[in-house]
Amino acid sequence: MVTCGAAAFGFVPRFSVQATLEALHKDFYNLVLLDLREPVHGRRSVVGFERGLALLDAMDQEPDIERRYGSPNLGAGSGQTRRRR
């Protein structure tokens, strides 16, 4: 559990596309967060990045719009790595 003022955030990590889809179809989540940023040392984990894209593709393939995203909010971070000068 992470808190910020009065807000408390709990995380339910899933590490495979199938496990994530099952969780989304079973329970309600206020936010789905995918971290697709470049790593700090400049080497991207191709497996992790591709898995994130595969999850987005799988979610998009769901024919039932109510089950498609499982949650009204979806965020994916893919910002640039900031380098210290």
C-alpha atoms as a PDB file:
ATOM      1  CA  MET A   1       0.000   0.000   0.000  1.00  0.00           C
ATOM      2  CA  VAL A   2       1.313   3.435  -0.962  1.00  0.00           C
ATOM      3  CA  THR A   3      -0.170   6.580   0.555  1.00  0.00           C
ATOM      4  CA  CYS A   4      -0.098  10.181  -0.604  1.00  0.00           C
ATOM      5  CA  GLY A   5      -1.938  12.455   1.784  1.00  0.00           C
ATOM      6  CA  ALA A   6      -5.410  11.010   2.252  1.00  0.00           C
ATOM      7  CA  ALA A   7      -5.145   8.795  -0.845  1.00  0.00           C
ATOM      8  CA  ALA A   8      -4.028   5.177  -0.524  1.00  0.00           C
ATOM      9  CA  PHE A   9      -3.006   3.055  -3.490  1.00  0.00           C
ATOM     10  CA  GLY A  10      -2.747  -0.725  -3.543  1.00  0.00           C
ATOM     11  CA  PHE A  11      -1.047  -2.667  -6.307  1.00  0.00           C
ATOM     12  CA  VAL A  12      -1.921  -6.067  -7.768  1.00  0.00           C
ATOM     13  CA  PRO A  13       1.105  -6.958  -9.896  1.00  0.00           C
ATOM     14  CA  ARG A  14       0.703  -9.511 -12.666  1.00  0.00           C
ATOM     15  CA  PHE A  15       3.641 -10.679 -14.755  1.00  0.00           C
ATOM     16  CA  SER A  16       2.045 -12.414 -17.721  1.00  0.00           C
ATOM     17  CA  VAL A  17      -0.497 -11.369 -20.307  1.00  0.00           C
ATOM     18  CA  GLN A  18      -2.870 -14.195 -19.380  1.00  0.00           C
ATOM     19  CA  ALA A  19      -2.721 -13.533 -15.628  1.00  0.00           C
ATOM     20  CA  THR A  20      -3.336  -9.824 -16.214  1.00  0.00           C
ATOM     21  CA  LEU A  21      -6.332 -10.458 -18.470  1.00  0.00           C
ATOM     22  CA  GLU A  22      -7.801 -12.892 -15.945  1.00  0.00           C
ATOM     23  CA  ALA A  23      -7.438 -10.321 -13.155  1.00  0.00           C
ATOM     24  CA  LEU A  24      -9.028  -7.588 -15.300  1.00  0.00           C
ATOM     25  CA  HIS A  25     -11.970  -9.805 -16.181  1.00  0.00           C
ATOM     26  CA  LYS A  26     -12.474 -11.003 -12.605  1.00  0.00           C
ATOM     27  CA  ASP A  27     -12.133  -7.816 -10.536  1.00  0.00           C
ATOM     28  CA  PHE A  28     -12.584  -4.060 -10.907  1.00  0.00           C
ATOM     29  CA  TYR A  29      -9.571  -1.762 -10.938  1.00  0.00           C
ATOM     30  CA  ASN A  30      -9.552   2.018 -10.936  1.00  0.00           C
ATOM     31  CA  LEU A  31      -6.298   2.138 -12.864  1.00  0.00           C
ATOM     32  CA  VAL A  32      -4.179  -0.155 -15.008  1.00  0.00           C
ATOM     33  CA  LEU A  33      -0.568   0.993 -15.145  1.00  0.00           C
ATOM     34  CA  LEU A  34       2.076  -0.290 -17.548  1.00  0.00           C
ATOM     35  CA  ASP A  35       5.639   0.936 -17.242  1.00  0.00           C
ATOM     36  CA  LEU A  36       7.080   1.006 -20.767  1.00  0.00           C
ATOM     37  CA  ARG A  37       9.868   3.486 -20.051  1.00  0.00           C
ATOM     38  CA  GLU A  38      13.446   3.000 -21.102  1.00  0.00           C
ATOM     39  CA  PRO A  39      15.579   1.689 -18.225  1.00  0.00           C
ATOM     40  CA  VAL A  40      18.069   3.965 -16.481  1.00  0.00           C
ATOM     41  CA  HIS A  41      21.177   2.389 -17.986  1.00  0.00           C
ATOM     42  CA  GLY A  42      19.987   2.604 -21.596  1.00  0.00           C
ATOM     43  CA  ARG A  43      19.306  -1.100 -22.125  1.00  0.00           C
ATOM     44  CA  ARG A  44      15.658  -1.911 -22.601  1.00  0.00           C
ATOM     45  CA  SER A  45      14.354  -5.285 -21.544  1.00  0.00           C
ATOM     46  CA  VAL A  46      12.974  -6.414 -24.894  1.00  0.00           C
ATOM     47  CA  VAL A  47      10.969  -9.140 -23.176  1.00  0.00           C
ATOM     48  CA  GLY A  48       9.297  -6.751 -20.727  1.00  0.00           C
ATOM     49  CA  PHE A  49       8.587  -4.126 -23.370  1.00  0.00           C
ATOM     50  CA  GLU A  50       7.188  -6.693 -25.824  1.00  0.00           C
ATOM     51  CA  ARG A  51       5.083  -8.244 -23.051  1.00  0.00           C
ATOM     52  CA  GLY A  52       3.557  -4.820 -22.345  1.00  0.00           C
ATOM     53  CA  LEU A  53       2.700  -4.329 -26.001  1.00  0.00           C
ATOM     54  CA  ALA A  54       1.302  -7.874 -26.195  1.00  0.00           C
ATOM     55  CA  LEU A  55      -0.972  -7.086 -23.248  1.00  0.00           C
ATOM     56  CA  LEU A  56      -2.277  -3.944 -24.958  1.00  0.00           C
ATOM     57  CA  ASP A  57      -2.876  -5.942 -28.154  1.00  0.00           C
ATOM     58  CA  ALA A  58      -4.702  -8.688 -26.227  1.00  0.00           C
ATOM     59  CA  MET A  59      -6.865  -6.140 -24.430  1.00  0.00           C
ATOM     60  CA  ASP A  60      -7.708  -4.522 -27.767  1.00  0.00           C
ATOM     61  CA  GLN A  61      -8.715  -7.896 -29.283  1.00  0.00           C
ATOM     62  CA  GLU A  62     -11.469  -8.515 -26.703  1.00  0.00           C
ATOM     63  CA  PRO A  63     -14.746  -8.315 -28.680  1.00  0.00           C
ATOM     64  CA  ASP A  64     -16.869  -7.418 -25.625  1.00  0.00           C
ATOM     65  CA  ILE A  65     -16.316  -3.693 -25.064  1.00  0.00           C
ATOM     66  CA  GLU A  66     -17.303  -4.034 -21.377  1.00  0.00           C
ATOM     67  CA  ARG A  67     -14.557  -6.609 -20.823  1.00  0.00           C
ATOM     68  CA  ARG A  68     -12.024  -5.055 -23.186  1.00  0.00           C
ATOM     69  CA  TYR A  69     -10.191  -2.910 -20.702  1.00  0.00           C
ATOM     70  CA  GLY A  70     -11.710  -4.164 -17.471  1.00  0.00           C
ATOM     71  CA  SER A  71     -11.296  -0.712 -16.015  1.00  0.00           C
ATOM     72  CA  PRO A  72     -12.230   2.821 -17.028  1.00  0.00           C
ATOM     73  CA  ASN A  73      -8.674   4.116 -16.654  1.00  0.00           C
ATOM     74  CA  LEU A  74      -5.570   2.919 -18.453  1.00  0.00           C
ATOM     75  CA  GLY A  75      -2.123   4.489 -18.297  1.00  0.00           C
ATOM     76  CA  ALA A  76       1.115   3.526 -19.972  1.00  0.00           C
ATOM     77  CA  GLY A  77       4.394   5.292 -19.277  1.00  0.00           C
ATOM     78  CA  SER A  78       6.887   5.459 -22.100  1.00  0.00           C
ATOM     79  CA  GLY A  79       8.790   8.662 -21.342  1.00  0.00           C
ATOM     80  CA  GLN A  80      12.401   9.344 -22.146  1.00  0.00           C
ATOM     81  CA  THR A  81      15.084   8.458 -19.620  1.00  0.00           C
ATOM     82  CA  ARG A  82      16.543  11.598 -18.118  1.00  0.00           C
ATOM     83  CA  ARG A  83      20.310  11.701 -17.944  1.00  0.00           C
ATOM     84  CA  ARG A  84      22.187  13.491 -15.201  1.00  0.00           C
ATOM     85  CA  ARG A  85      24.616  16.150 -16.378  1.00  0.00           C
END
